[in-house]
Amino acid sequence: MALNIKSLSRFHETHISANSHICWFKYATNDAKAEVVADGYFNKARTTLQEGDIIEAVVDADGTQAFVVVRVDAVPATGDVETEDLTPAA
């Protein structure tokens, strides 16, 4: 499947300096963890996300739910939004 942009919700923003901030987002989906943490999954949110943002997500919501943490590593004008899986080991 693909990102459901309506399920991506910003819940916190931390200002680091006048020109720098990090946003935290919540997200829930029926998609598998491997899909959600893959580069390109968040391409539809390109105009919302920036490098350093954190996304906390519930994946496989209709099956064996799991909680994942994803950091946005790069948001290029073209190409895939790059992310990193920061989910703590169980």
N, C-alpha and C. Protein backbone atom coordinates (compact mmCIF):
# COMPACT_ATOMS: atom_id res chain seq x y z
N MET A 1 0.84 -1.19 0.00
CA MET A 1 0.00 0.00 0.00
C MET A 1 0.88 1.24 0.00
N ALA A 2 0.25 2.38 0.20
CA ALA A 2 0.99 3.64 0.18
C ALA A 2 0.60 4.49 1.38
N LEU A 3 1.38 5.51 1.61
CA LEU A 3 1.12 6.44 2.71
C LEU A 3 -0.29 7.02 2.60
N ASN A 4 -1.02 7.01 3.71
CA ASN A 4 -2.29 7.71 3.81
C ASN A 4 -1.99 9.03 4.52
N ILE A 5 -1.84 10.09 3.75
CA ILE A 5 -1.41 11.38 4.28
C ILE A 5 -2.35 11.88 5.39
N LYS A 6 -3.63 11.50 5.34
CA LYS A 6 -4.58 11.94 6.36
C LYS A 6 -4.32 11.29 7.72
N SER A 7 -3.56 10.19 7.72
CA SER A 7 -3.24 9.51 8.98
C SER A 7 -1.95 9.99 9.61
N LEU A 8 -1.26 10.91 8.95
CA LEU A 8 -0.01 11.48 9.46
C LEU A 8 -0.35 12.78 10.19
N SER A 9 -0.09 12.82 11.48
CA SER A 9 -0.51 13.96 12.29
C SER A 9 0.66 14.51 13.11
N ARG A 10 0.96 15.80 12.94
CA ARG A 10 2.01 16.43 13.74
C ARG A 10 1.45 16.71 15.13
N PHE A 11 2.21 16.30 16.16
CA PHE A 11 1.72 16.53 17.52
C PHE A 11 2.66 17.36 18.37
N HIS A 12 3.88 17.63 17.90
CA HIS A 12 4.80 18.44 18.69
C HIS A 12 5.85 19.05 17.78
N GLU A 13 6.30 20.23 18.16
CA GLU A 13 7.37 20.92 17.43
C GLU A 13 8.31 21.54 18.45
N THR A 14 9.60 21.28 18.29
CA THR A 14 10.61 21.83 19.18
C THR A 14 11.48 22.80 18.39
N HIS A 15 11.56 24.04 18.86
CA HIS A 15 12.41 25.04 18.20
C HIS A 15 13.80 24.98 18.81
N ILE A 16 14.79 24.77 17.96
CA ILE A 16 16.17 24.67 18.39
C ILE A 16 16.85 26.03 18.28
N SER A 17 16.56 26.73 17.22
CA SER A 17 17.07 28.09 17.01
C SER A 17 16.08 28.82 16.12
N ALA A 18 16.40 30.04 15.76
CA ALA A 18 15.48 30.84 14.94
C ALA A 18 15.14 30.16 13.62
N ASN A 19 16.07 29.41 13.07
CA ASN A 19 15.85 28.80 11.76
C ASN A 19 15.83 27.27 11.80
N SER A 20 15.72 26.69 12.97
CA SER A 20 15.81 25.24 13.08
C SER A 20 14.77 24.70 14.06
N HIS A 21 14.07 23.66 13.63
CA HIS A 21 13.12 23.00 14.51
C HIS A 21 12.94 21.55 14.08
N ILE A 22 12.44 20.74 15.00
CA ILE A 22 12.15 19.34 14.73
C ILE A 22 10.69 19.11 15.07
N CYS A 23 9.99 18.38 14.21
CA CYS A 23 8.59 18.05 14.45
C CYS A 23 8.45 16.56 14.72
N TRP A 24 7.49 16.22 15.58
CA TRP A 24 7.15 14.84 15.87
C TRP A 24 5.78 14.57 15.28
N PHE A 25 5.65 13.40 14.66
CA PHE A 25 4.40 13.00 14.02
C PHE A 25 3.94 11.66 14.57
N LYS A 26 2.62 11.44 14.53
CA LYS A 26 2.00 10.15 14.81
C LYS A 26 1.43 9.63 13.49
N TYR A 27 1.47 8.30 13.34
CA TYR A 27 0.96 7.69 12.11
C TYR A 27 0.49 6.28 12.42
N ALA A 28 -0.59 5.86 11.78
CA ALA A 28 -1.08 4.48 11.92
C ALA A 28 -1.46 3.97 10.54
N THR A 29 -1.17 2.70 10.30
CA THR A 29 -1.42 2.11 8.98
C THR A 29 -1.57 0.60 9.08
N ASN A 30 -2.17 0.02 8.07
CA ASN A 30 -2.22 -1.44 7.96
C ASN A 30 -0.99 -1.97 7.24
N ASP A 31 -0.15 -1.08 6.72
CA ASP A 31 1.06 -1.49 6.01
C ASP A 31 2.05 -2.15 6.97
N ALA A 32 2.88 -3.02 6.42
CA ALA A 32 3.89 -3.72 7.21
C ALA A 32 5.05 -2.79 7.56
N LYS A 33 5.75 -3.12 8.62
CA LYS A 33 6.89 -2.32 9.07
C LYS A 33 7.91 -2.12 7.94
N ALA A 34 8.22 -3.17 7.21
CA ALA A 34 9.23 -3.07 6.14
C ALA A 34 8.86 -2.01 5.11
N GLU A 35 7.57 -1.86 4.82
CA GLU A 35 7.13 -0.84 3.87
C GLU A 35 7.30 0.56 4.46
N VAL A 36 6.87 0.73 5.71
CA VAL A 36 6.85 2.04 6.35
C VAL A 36 8.26 2.60 6.57
N VAL A 37 9.21 1.76 6.90
CA VAL A 37 10.57 2.24 7.17
C VAL A 37 11.41 2.36 5.90
N ALA A 38 10.88 1.93 4.77
CA ALA A 38 11.64 1.98 3.51
C ALA A 38 11.70 3.40 2.95
N ASP A 39 12.85 3.75 2.36
CA ASP A 39 12.96 5.03 1.66
C ASP A 39 11.86 5.12 0.61
N GLY A 40 11.25 6.29 0.51
CA GLY A 40 10.21 6.52 -0.48
C GLY A 40 8.80 6.38 0.05
N TYR A 41 8.62 5.71 1.18
CA TYR A 41 7.26 5.51 1.70
C TYR A 41 6.58 6.85 1.99
N PHE A 42 7.32 7.82 2.50
CA PHE A 42 6.74 9.10 2.90
C PHE A 42 6.85 10.17 1.81
N ASN A 43 7.02 9.78 0.56
CA ASN A 43 7.15 10.75 -0.53
C ASN A 43 5.95 11.69 -0.63
N LYS A 44 4.74 11.21 -0.38
CA LYS A 44 3.55 12.06 -0.46
C LYS A 44 3.55 13.15 0.61
N ALA A 45 4.38 13.01 1.63
CA ALA A 45 4.46 14.00 2.71
C ALA A 45 5.67 14.92 2.54
N ARG A 46 6.23 14.94 1.36
CA ARG A 46 7.44 15.72 1.08
C ARG A 46 7.32 17.19 1.51
N THR A 47 6.16 17.79 1.31
CA THR A 47 5.99 19.21 1.65
C THR A 47 5.73 19.42 3.15
N THR A 48 5.48 18.35 3.88
CA THR A 48 5.20 18.43 5.31
C THR A 48 6.43 18.12 6.15
N LEU A 49 7.25 17.19 5.68
CA LEU A 49 8.39 16.71 6.45
C LEU A 49 9.66 17.48 6.15
N GLN A 50 10.59 17.44 7.11
CA GLN A 50 11.92 18.00 6.90
C GLN A 50 12.94 17.08 7.56
N GLU A 51 14.17 17.24 7.18
CA GLU A 51 15.24 16.43 7.75
C GLU A 51 15.25 16.56 9.27
N GLY A 52 15.33 15.44 9.97
CA GLY A 52 15.37 15.43 11.43
C GLY A 52 14.04 15.16 12.09
N ASP A 53 12.94 15.27 11.35
CA ASP A 53 11.63 14.98 11.93
C ASP A 53 11.55 13.52 12.38
N ILE A 54 10.72 13.28 13.38
CA ILE A 54 10.53 11.94 13.94
C ILE A 54 9.08 11.52 13.74
N ILE A 55 8.89 10.28 13.29
CA ILE A 55 7.54 9.73 13.09
C ILE A 55 7.40 8.50 13.97
N GLU A 56 6.41 8.53 14.87
CA GLU A 56 6.07 7.38 15.69
C GLU A 56 4.85 6.74 15.06
N ALA A 57 4.95 5.44 14.74
CA ALA A 57 3.88 4.81 13.97
C ALA A 57 3.47 3.46 14.54
N VAL A 58 2.18 3.16 14.39
CA VAL A 58 1.67 1.82 14.61
C VAL A 58 1.49 1.22 13.23
N VAL A 59 2.15 0.08 12.99
CA VAL A 59 2.08 -0.58 11.69
C VAL A 59 1.29 -1.88 11.82
N ASP A 60 0.81 -2.38 10.69
CA ASP A 60 0.00 -3.60 10.64
C ASP A 60 -1.14 -3.50 11.66
N ALA A 61 -1.84 -2.36 11.63
CA ALA A 61 -2.86 -2.06 12.64
C ALA A 61 -3.99 -3.08 12.67
N ASP A 62 -4.27 -3.73 11.55
CA ASP A 62 -5.36 -4.72 11.51
C ASP A 62 -4.87 -6.15 11.70
N GLY A 63 -3.59 -6.30 12.04
CA GLY A 63 -3.02 -7.64 12.23
C GLY A 63 -2.22 -7.70 13.51
N THR A 64 -0.95 -8.04 13.37
CA THR A 64 -0.04 -8.09 14.52
C THR A 64 0.61 -6.72 14.65
N GLN A 65 -0.01 -5.85 15.41
CA GLN A 65 0.46 -4.46 15.52
C GLN A 65 1.88 -4.39 16.06
N ALA A 66 2.59 -3.39 15.57
CA ALA A 66 3.93 -3.10 16.07
C ALA A 66 4.11 -1.59 16.12
N PHE A 67 4.97 -1.13 17.01
CA PHE A 67 5.28 0.29 17.15
C PHE A 67 6.66 0.53 16.55
N VAL A 68 6.76 1.52 15.68
CA VAL A 68 8.05 1.84 15.07
C VAL A 68 8.34 3.33 15.20
N VAL A 69 9.62 3.66 15.19
CA VAL A 69 10.07 5.05 15.22
C VAL A 69 10.94 5.26 14.00
N VAL A 70 10.61 6.28 13.23
CA VAL A 70 11.32 6.57 11.99
C VAL A 70 11.84 8.00 12.04
N ARG A 71 13.11 8.20 11.66
CA ARG A 71 13.66 9.55 11.54
C ARG A 71 13.76 9.88 10.06
N VAL A 72 13.41 11.10 9.70
CA VAL A 72 13.54 11.57 8.32
C VAL A 72 14.98 12.03 8.13
N ASP A 73 15.70 11.36 7.23
CA ASP A 73 17.11 11.69 6.99
C ASP A 73 17.31 12.71 5.88
N ALA A 74 16.44 12.70 4.87
CA ALA A 74 16.58 13.63 3.75
C ALA A 74 15.24 13.79 3.05
N VAL A 75 14.97 15.02 2.60
CA VAL A 75 13.76 15.31 1.85
C VAL A 75 14.18 16.05 0.58
N PRO A 76 14.66 15.33 -0.42
CA PRO A 76 15.10 15.98 -1.65
C PRO A 76 13.91 16.49 -2.46
N ALA A 77 14.16 17.47 -3.31
CA ALA A 77 13.10 18.01 -4.16
C ALA A 77 12.55 16.95 -5.10
N THR A 78 13.41 16.05 -5.54
CA THR A 78 13.00 14.92 -6.37
C THR A 78 13.64 13.66 -5.79
N GLY A 79 13.11 12.52 -6.15
CA GLY A 79 13.63 11.27 -5.60
C GLY A 79 12.94 10.93 -4.30
N ASP A 80 13.42 9.88 -3.66
CA ASP A 80 12.77 9.37 -2.46
C ASP A 80 13.11 10.14 -1.20
N VAL A 81 12.09 10.36 -0.36
CA VAL A 81 12.31 10.83 1.00
C VAL A 81 13.04 9.69 1.72
N GLU A 82 14.18 10.00 2.33
CA GLU A 82 15.00 8.98 2.98
C GLU A 82 14.72 8.96 4.48
N THR A 83 14.58 7.75 5.01
CA THR A 83 14.27 7.58 6.42
C THR A 83 15.18 6.54 7.05
N GLU A 84 15.19 6.54 8.38
CA GLU A 84 15.98 5.56 9.13
C GLU A 84 15.10 4.98 10.24
N ASP A 85 15.14 3.68 10.39
CA ASP A 85 14.39 2.99 11.44
C ASP A 85 15.13 3.14 12.76
N LEU A 86 14.52 3.84 13.72
CA LEU A 86 15.11 4.03 15.04
C LEU A 86 14.40 3.21 16.11
N THR A 87 13.59 2.26 15.70
CA THR A 87 12.83 1.45 16.63
C THR A 87 13.76 0.72 17.59
N PRO A 88 13.55 0.88 18.89
CA PRO A 88 14.39 0.16 19.86
C PRO A 88 14.22 -1.35 19.70
N ALA A 89 15.29 -2.08 19.93
CA ALA A 89 15.22 -3.54 19.87
C ALA A 89 14.34 -4.05 21.01
N ALA A 90 13.60 -5.08 20.74
CA ALA A 90 12.69 -5.64 21.75
C ALA A 90 13.45 -6.37 22.83
